[in-house]
Each structure stands twice: as structure tokens, then as C-alpha cells.
Protein backbone atom coordinates (compact mmCIF):
# COMPACT_ATOMS: atom_id res chain seq x y z
CA MET A 1 -32.93 -12.28 20.31
CA ARG A 2 -30.10 -10.59 18.39
CA GLU A 3 -30.41 -7.35 20.31
CA ARG A 4 -30.41 -9.20 23.62
CA LEU A 5 -27.18 -11.00 22.76
CA ILE A 6 -25.53 -7.75 21.69
CA GLN A 7 -26.53 -5.99 24.89
CA ILE A 8 -25.28 -8.69 27.27
CA GLN A 9 -21.84 -7.78 28.60
CA SER A 10 -20.27 -11.12 29.39
CA PRO A 11 -17.14 -12.92 28.15
CA PHE A 12 -19.28 -16.05 27.83
CA VAL A 13 -21.38 -14.38 25.14
CA GLU A 14 -18.28 -13.42 23.15
CA ASP A 15 -16.85 -16.94 23.49
CA PHE A 16 -20.16 -18.43 22.36
CA LEU A 17 -20.43 -16.15 19.33
CA LYS A 18 -16.79 -16.69 18.32
CA TYR A 19 -17.06 -20.47 18.69
CA THR A 20 -20.32 -20.63 16.75
CA ALA A 21 -18.90 -18.36 14.03
CA THR A 22 -15.91 -20.71 13.72
CA LEU A 23 -18.26 -23.62 13.09
CA GLN A 24 -20.50 -21.62 10.75
CA GLN A 25 -18.15 -19.32 8.84
CA ASP A 26 -20.73 -18.71 6.09
CA ASN A 27 -23.45 -17.70 8.53
CA THR A 28 -23.93 -14.03 7.64
CA PRO A 29 -26.58 -13.27 10.29
CA LEU A 30 -24.30 -14.70 12.99
CA LEU A 31 -21.32 -12.64 11.81
CA ASP A 32 -23.59 -9.59 11.77
CA ILE A 33 -24.33 -10.20 15.45
CA LEU A 34 -20.64 -10.70 16.25
CA TRP A 35 -19.40 -7.44 14.71
CA ARG A 36 -22.25 -5.51 16.33
CA TYR A 37 -21.35 -7.10 19.67
CA TYR A 38 -17.70 -6.05 19.27
CA GLU A 39 -18.67 -2.54 18.22
CA ARG A 40 -21.05 -2.12 21.14
CA ASN A 41 -18.30 -3.21 23.54
CA LYS A 42 -15.79 -0.85 21.89
CA ASN A 43 -13.60 -3.63 20.49
CA TYR A 44 -13.47 -1.70 17.23
CA ILE A 45 -10.63 -3.53 15.52
CA ALA A 46 -12.31 -6.89 16.10
CA ALA A 47 -15.54 -5.46 14.70
CA ALA A 48 -13.68 -4.10 11.67
CA ARG A 49 -12.11 -7.49 10.95
CA ILE A 50 -15.48 -9.24 11.02
CA LEU A 51 -16.93 -6.57 8.75
CA ASP A 52 -14.00 -7.02 6.37
CA GLN A 53 -14.63 -10.78 6.39
CA LEU A 54 -18.27 -10.19 5.50
CA ALA A 55 -17.39 -7.81 2.67
CA ARG A 56 -14.97 -10.34 1.16
CA LYS A 57 -17.38 -13.25 1.40
CA GLU A 58 -17.98 -14.81 -2.02
CA SER A 59 -21.71 -15.32 -2.23
CA VAL A 60 -24.70 -14.36 -4.36
CA GLU A 61 -26.68 -13.64 -1.19
CA LEU A 62 -24.83 -10.34 -0.69
CA THR A 63 -25.15 -7.41 -3.07
CA LEU A 64 -22.22 -5.18 -3.92
CA SER A 65 -23.94 -2.28 -2.17
CA ARG A 66 -24.11 -4.35 1.01
CA ARG A 67 -20.41 -5.21 0.70
CA LEU A 68 -19.58 -1.54 0.35
CA GLU A 69 -21.62 -0.82 3.47
CA TYR A 70 -19.59 -3.42 5.35
CA ILE A 71 -16.30 -1.92 4.18
CA SER A 72 -17.40 1.62 5.04
CA ARG A 73 -18.45 0.51 8.51
CA ALA A 74 -15.15 -1.35 8.91
CA VAL A 75 -13.24 1.85 8.12
CA MET A 76 -15.30 3.74 10.69
CA CYS A 77 -14.62 1.08 13.33
CA ALA A 78 -10.89 1.00 12.56
CA LYS A 79 -10.70 4.78 12.85
CA SER A 80 -12.48 4.61 16.21
CA CYS A 81 -9.63 2.57 17.68
CA GLY A 82 -7.49 4.99 19.69
CA SER A 83 -4.30 2.98 19.14
CA VAL A 84 -4.31 3.31 15.36
CA SER A 85 -1.16 4.83 13.87
CA SER A 86 0.35 4.73 10.42
CA VAL A 87 3.11 2.34 11.54
CA SER A 88 1.00 0.02 13.70
CA GLY A 89 -0.66 -3.19 12.56
CA GLU A 90 -4.02 -1.50 13.02
CA GLY A 91 -2.80 1.41 10.90
CA GLU A 92 -1.82 -0.91 8.07
CA PHE A 93 -5.18 -2.65 8.34
CA LEU A 94 -7.00 0.70 8.14
CA HIS A 95 -4.99 1.61 5.03
CA GLU A 96 -5.94 -1.72 3.44
CA LEU A 97 -9.60 -1.11 4.24
CA GLU A 98 -9.52 2.37 2.72
CA GLU A 99 -7.95 0.98 -0.46
CA LYS A 100 -10.60 -1.75 -0.62
CA MET A 101 -13.32 0.87 -0.21
CA GLU A 102 -11.91 2.95 -3.08
CA VAL A 103 -11.81 -0.08 -5.39
CA ALA A 104 -15.27 -1.23 -4.25
CA ARG A 105 -16.68 2.18 -5.19
CA ILE A 106 -15.21 1.79 -8.66
CA GLN A 107 -16.72 -1.69 -8.84
CA LEU A 108 -20.10 -0.19 -7.93
CA SER A 109 -19.72 2.42 -10.70
CA ILE A 110 -19.00 -0.37 -13.17
CA LEU A 111 -22.02 -2.32 -11.95
CA GLN A 112 -24.25 0.74 -12.37
CA GLY A 113 -22.79 1.38 -15.82
CA ILE A 114 -23.57 -2.16 -16.96
CA GLN A 115 -27.05 -2.00 -15.43
CA SER A 116 -27.76 1.03 -17.63
CA LEU A 117 -26.93 -0.91 -20.80
CA HIS A 118 -29.37 -2.89 -22.91
CA HIS A 119 -30.36 -6.02 -20.99
CA SER A 120 -28.86 -9.24 -22.31
CA GLN A 121 -27.57 -12.55 -21.02
CA HIS A 122 -24.06 -11.09 -21.15
CA THR A 123 -24.92 -8.04 -19.05
CA GLN A 124 -26.92 -10.11 -16.57
CA GLN A 125 -24.00 -12.48 -16.08
CA ALA A 126 -21.67 -9.55 -15.48
CA ILE A 127 -24.09 -8.03 -12.95
CA THR A 128 -24.27 -11.33 -11.06
CA GLU A 129 -20.48 -11.66 -11.00
CA LEU A 130 -19.95 -8.08 -9.81
CA ASN A 131 -22.37 -8.62 -6.95
CA SER A 132 -20.88 -11.96 -5.91
CA LYS A 133 -17.50 -10.74 -4.61
CA LEU A 134 -15.06 -7.85 -4.34
CA MET A 135 -12.55 -7.72 -7.20
CA ASP A 136 -9.17 -6.12 -7.80
CA VAL A 137 -8.56 -3.34 -10.30
CA SER A 138 -6.97 -5.64 -12.89
CA GLN A 139 -10.02 -7.88 -13.01
CA LEU A 140 -12.40 -4.92 -13.04
CA TYR A 141 -10.57 -3.34 -15.97
CA GLY A 142 -9.96 -6.45 -18.05
CA ASP A 143 -13.22 -8.32 -17.46
CA PHE A 144 -15.75 -5.50 -17.19
CA ALA A 145 -14.75 -1.86 -17.76
CA ASP A 146 -12.90 -2.51 -21.03
CA PRO A 147 -15.22 -5.12 -22.61
CA PHE A 148 -18.28 -2.97 -21.83
CA ASN A 149 -16.50 0.22 -22.97
CA LEU A 150 -17.02 2.08 -19.69
CA SER A 151 -14.48 4.82 -20.33
CA GLU A 152 -15.03 6.82 -17.14
CA CYS A 153 -14.62 3.65 -15.09
CA LYS A 154 -11.43 2.79 -16.98
CA LEU A 155 -10.06 6.23 -16.15
CA SER A 156 -11.01 5.73 -12.49
CA ILE A 157 -9.14 2.43 -12.41
CA VAL A 158 -6.03 3.88 -14.04
CA HIS A 159 -6.08 6.74 -11.53
CA CYS A 160 -6.69 4.41 -8.57
CA ALA A 161 -3.81 2.16 -9.62
CA GLY A 162 -1.49 5.15 -10.06
CA HIS A 163 -0.79 4.01 -13.60
CA PHE A 164 0.43 6.98 -15.62
CA ASP A 165 0.36 6.33 -19.35
CA VAL A 166 -0.10 9.52 -21.37
CA THR A 167 -1.29 7.74 -24.50
CA LEU A 168 -3.83 5.63 -22.61
CA ILE A 169 -5.15 8.57 -20.59
CA GLU A 170 -5.58 10.76 -23.67
CA SER A 171 -7.30 7.87 -25.44
CA LEU A 172 -9.73 7.45 -22.54
CA TRP A 173 -10.57 11.15 -22.56
CA SER A 174 -11.21 10.98 -26.31
CA GLU A 175 -13.57 8.06 -25.67
CA ILE A 176 -15.39 9.98 -22.94
CA ILE A 177 -15.89 13.02 -25.17
CA GLU A 178 -16.98 10.92 -28.14
CA GLN A 179 -19.47 8.97 -26.00
CA GLU A 180 -20.92 12.23 -24.68
CA LEU A 181 -21.33 13.58 -28.21
CA GLN A 182 -23.00 10.36 -29.36
CA SER A 183 -25.36 10.26 -26.37
CA THR A 184 -26.68 13.76 -27.10
CA LEU A 185 -27.21 13.38 -30.84
CA GLY A 186 -30.55 14.87 -31.81
CA ASN A 187 -30.44 17.58 -29.16
CA ASP A 188 -29.92 21.22 -30.06
CA ARG A 189 -26.43 22.70 -29.98
CA ASP A 190 -26.82 24.59 -26.69
CA THR A 191 -28.15 21.52 -24.88
CA ARG A 192 -25.27 19.41 -26.16
CA MET A 193 -22.70 21.99 -25.12
CA GLN A 194 -24.22 22.28 -21.64
CA SER A 195 -24.26 18.51 -21.25
CA MET A 196 -20.61 18.30 -22.27
CA ARG A 197 -19.70 21.15 -19.92
CA ASP A 198 -21.49 19.48 -17.00
CA ARG A 199 -19.72 16.19 -17.60
CA LEU A 200 -16.28 17.77 -17.85
CA LEU A 201 -16.90 19.83 -14.70
CA ARG A 202 -17.94 16.71 -12.80
CA LEU A 203 -14.86 14.81 -13.91
CA GLY A 204 -12.67 17.84 -13.34
CA LYS A 205 -13.64 17.84 -9.67
CA LEU A 206 -12.52 14.22 -9.40
CA TYR A 207 -9.12 14.69 -11.03
CA SER A 208 -8.33 18.38 -10.52
CA ARG A 209 -5.72 17.57 -7.87
CA ASN A 210 -3.74 15.51 -10.34
CA ASP A 211 -3.27 17.15 -13.73
CA SER A 212 -1.77 13.94 -15.09
CA TYR A 213 -5.25 12.44 -15.33
CA PHE A 214 -7.04 15.61 -16.44
CA PRO A 215 -5.20 16.89 -19.53
CA THR A 216 -5.85 20.49 -20.48
């Protein structure tokens, strides 16, 4: 049924889907049909806006990974619109989507970091909250990355926000190094050194273009 609706090229189908979506704004399957209909008919900006709406929907029925998929697809759709320019409304919308995607990826890193911790009521509550909606960098830092001591995620947030604080950045790097040393206690010296080297190389690739966040 869904595929048939998507394949029908008629303004009546679009009007029906839009009207029904207005009445049932929380109907995820219906919104999924609507954005796919727009995308199939090359109305990419309309598809991107529906995808953005789905990603921002506050609900426990959507996982964070699914939200990130919606945002990524929205970016692809927005880029497919031939009229996009940096000064147009579509261009501003694309920029907003790309920023949301960057923050959503950090949110996913935080979620994965908490999932790797010892299971408790506190961690389970945080996992549920992180899946339930997209959050801004302030909330991610203050409510999750900092309380759960996720130093790499804190550095990602500081970098994403363009917040340059030498003392804070150096403190975060000290935390990262100390956590790496603690996590490899009991291993032989060569293994610990290799593990540290691998971690620093991985982080170096992320921040090598901006020395401010990768002190040497």
C-alpha cells in the first residue's frame, strides 16, 4: 500500500497525505510515506523538511540512530535541490541540518559511551533520555558528558561549539590520557604504549586541522 501511494503521480495524493499528516502529526509511518513521496517526485526540500520534523520528534518510539538516519537523509535531499545557495532560504536550512547532524553524532557518541558503562538505573535513564529526542550541545555537556565523565565527548562538544578555553582543553586532554592509562592497567608496557599511541592518532585525525584543540 505504501509503495503504491509513493508511486502514484497525482496532486490528489499529495493533498491527501499532507491533510492526513496535519491531522496526525505524530503518525511516524504516515510521515515516512510523505517524505518518500516528495523525494520520489523530486521535491527535495519538502522531503528534507519532513525528515527534519521526524528527527526532532520527541518520542521513545524512535532511537537516536534512527533520528540520525533521518537527519542524514534530510541533508542529502537538501543538497539535491538545484536552487540551494549559501544565501538562499534553502541554503540556510541546509546549514542548519548539517549543524544538527554534527551535534546528533556527538549525542550518539555520548549514548554509546554511557552504554559501555556499568548498567544501573542512572545509566538506563540517561540512555532512554538520549534516545527520546535530539539535544543541544549545552544539554549534552551538562547533563550527560560531564556527569558521566566522557572526556572525549566533552572535547567534541567544546570543538563543535567553537569554545576555545585553553585551561579547559588542556584539562580534558589530561583526563583522556589518565583514563587511557587507567583502562590499560595490568597490561605490559609495550601494549599500553601502543594503545595510547592508537588513541592519540585517532584523536589527532579529528582535530589536526585545528591546533587549538590538539595541544602539542
